[in-house]
Each structure stands twice: as structure tokens, then as C-alpha cells.
C-alpha atoms as a PDB file:
ATOM      1  CA  MET A   1      43.473 153.034 108.235  1.00  0.00           C
ATOM      2  CA  CYS A   2      43.513 149.737 109.858  1.00  0.00           C
ATOM      3  CA  ILE A   3      42.592 150.110 113.440  1.00  0.00           C
ATOM      4  CA  TYR A   4      45.047 147.533 114.288  1.00  0.00           C
ATOM      5  CA  LEU A   5      48.014 148.351 111.947  1.00  0.00           C
ATOM      6  CA  ILE A   6      48.328 151.862 112.512  1.00  0.00           C
ATOM      7  CA  ASN A   7      50.453 153.985 110.017  1.00  0.00           C
ATOM      8  CA  HIS A   8      51.527 150.372 108.699  1.00  0.00           C
ATOM      9  CA  PRO A   9      52.540 150.237 104.754  1.00  0.00           C
ATOM     10  CA  ASN A  10      51.189 148.736 102.202  1.00  0.00           C
ATOM     11  CA  LEU A  11      47.837 147.261 103.516  1.00  0.00           C
ATOM     12  CA  THR A  12      44.818 146.087 101.820  1.00  0.00           C
ATOM     13  CA  TYR A  13      41.236 146.353 102.419  1.00  0.00           C
ATOM     14  CA  THR A  14      39.008 143.613 100.341  1.00  0.00           C
ATOM     15  CA  SER A  15      37.139 142.064 103.235  1.00  0.00           C
ATOM     16  CA  ARG A  16      35.199 143.010 106.242  1.00  0.00           C
ATOM     17  CA  GLU A  17      35.751 141.842 109.325  1.00  0.00           C
ATOM     18  CA  HIS A  18      32.947 140.173 111.565  1.00  0.00           C
ATOM     19  CA  ILE A  19      32.338 141.913 115.014  1.00  0.00           C
ATOM     20  CA  PHE A  20      31.603 138.579 116.410  1.00  0.00           C
ATOM     21  CA  PRO A  21      33.136 135.311 114.329  1.00  0.00           C
ATOM     22  CA  ALA A  22      31.199 133.710 111.942  1.00  0.00           C
ATOM     23  CA  ALA A  23      31.407 131.198 113.245  1.00  0.00           C
ATOM     24  CA  ILE A  24      29.820 131.718 116.083  1.00  0.00           C
ATOM     25  CA  GLY A  25      26.823 133.292 114.724  1.00  0.00           C
ATOM     26  CA  GLY A  26      28.302 136.721 114.350  1.00  0.00           C
ATOM     27  CA  ILE A  27      26.683 138.095 111.314  1.00  0.00           C
ATOM     28  CA  GLN A  28      27.592 142.311 111.829  1.00  0.00           C
ATOM     29  CA  THR A  29      30.183 143.393 109.665  1.00  0.00           C
ATOM     30  CA  LEU A  30      32.597 146.621 109.993  1.00  0.00           C
ATOM     31  CA  PRO A  31      32.916 148.733 106.756  1.00  0.00           C
ATOM     32  CA  LYS A  32      35.984 147.724 104.997  1.00  0.00           C
ATOM     33  CA  THR A  33      38.334 150.308 105.429  1.00  0.00           C
ATOM     34  CA  TYR A  34      38.494 149.628 109.490  1.00  0.00           C
ATOM     35  CA  VAL A  35      40.097 146.161 109.531  1.00  0.00           C
ATOM     36  CA  SER A  36      42.974 145.479 106.890  1.00  0.00           C
ATOM     37  CA  ASP A  37      42.983 141.933 105.119  1.00  0.00           C
ATOM     38  CA  GLN A  38      46.291 141.258 106.717  1.00  0.00           C
ATOM     39  CA  ALA A  39      44.700 142.241 109.925  1.00  0.00           C
ATOM     40  CA  ASN A  40      41.839 140.242 109.248  1.00  0.00           C
ATOM     41  CA  ASN A  41      43.986 136.881 108.157  1.00  0.00           C
ATOM     42  CA  PHE A  42      46.339 137.534 111.218  1.00  0.00           C
ATOM     43  CA  PHE A  43      42.980 137.548 113.675  1.00  0.00           C
ATOM     44  CA  SER A  44      41.514 134.362 111.916  1.00  0.00           C
ATOM     45  CA  LYS A  45      44.086 131.949 112.505  1.00  0.00           C
ATOM     46  CA  ILE A  46      43.719 132.891 116.197  1.00  0.00           C
ATOM     47  CA  GLU A  47      39.710 132.629 116.078  1.00  0.00           C
ATOM     48  CA  LEU A  48      40.507 129.603 114.247  1.00  0.00           C
ATOM     49  CA  LYS A  49      42.932 127.996 117.024  1.00  0.00           C
ATOM     50  CA  ALA A  50      40.321 129.585 119.704  1.00  0.00           C
ATOM     51  CA  LEU A  51      36.990 127.793 118.284  1.00  0.00           C
ATOM     52  CA  GLN A  52      38.825 124.703 117.644  1.00  0.00           C
ATOM     53  CA  ASN A  53      40.351 123.937 121.025  1.00  0.00           C
ATOM     54  CA  GLY A  54      38.615 126.099 123.772  1.00  0.00           C
ATOM     55  CA  ASP A  55      35.389 125.636 125.619  1.00  0.00           C
ATOM     56  CA  ILE A  56      33.677 126.794 122.526  1.00  0.00           C
ATOM     57  CA  SER A  57      34.066 124.145 120.366  1.00  0.00           C
ATOM     58  CA  LEU A  58      31.817 121.661 123.007  1.00  0.00           C
ATOM     59  CA  ILE A  59      29.191 124.648 122.733  1.00  0.00           C
ATOM     60  CA  ARG A  60      29.440 124.408 119.029  1.00  0.00           C
ATOM     61  CA  SER A  61      29.196 120.615 119.211  1.00  0.00           C
ATOM     62  CA  PHE A  62      25.472 120.945 120.425  1.00  0.00           C
ATOM     63  CA  GLU A  63      24.713 124.317 119.230  1.00  0.00           C
ATOM     64  CA  GLY A  64      25.792 124.058 115.580  1.00  0.00           C
ATOM     65  CA  PRO A  65      29.245 125.923 114.013  1.00  0.00           C
ATOM     66  CA  GLY A  66      27.033 129.087 113.296  1.00  0.00           C
ATOM     67  CA  SER A  67      26.105 130.794 110.177  1.00  0.00           C
ATOM     68  CA  ARG A  68      28.844 129.043 108.068  1.00  0.00           C
ATOM     69  CA  GLY A  69      27.634 125.642 108.582  1.00  0.00           C
END
């Protein structure tokens, strides 16, 4: 059961959710059955906007992009 989309029908679980985004160096993930692919994709878009447009983008320019290069 997805921790975000509780009781939502037709969810898939093929990817793992990073506890902290990989773009800022997060390497630990939750087990596949905790977060659905649909919720993971939704939050990935929000994380991308925050990383590109937020204060974290300035820090990333000095420290590097994290584990994804």
C-alpha cells in the first residue's frame, strides 16, 4: 500500500523512493512497496522544480549535483 495514495486503485511498484533526493546526494531508499510509481513520479517533478529554482540550486553549483552526476 502506497504511503501517499492510500486505497488508490491500479498502483504499480517498480521503483524505489529516495528518502532524500538523489540529486542532493541521497542514497538510501524505501522498499518498493512503500511508495507507488505514480506518487514517486508526481513528487519527482516537484523535487526537480525545487532543485532548479530554489536556494538549493546555488548550493549545488558549488558542491556538485550529487550521486547522479
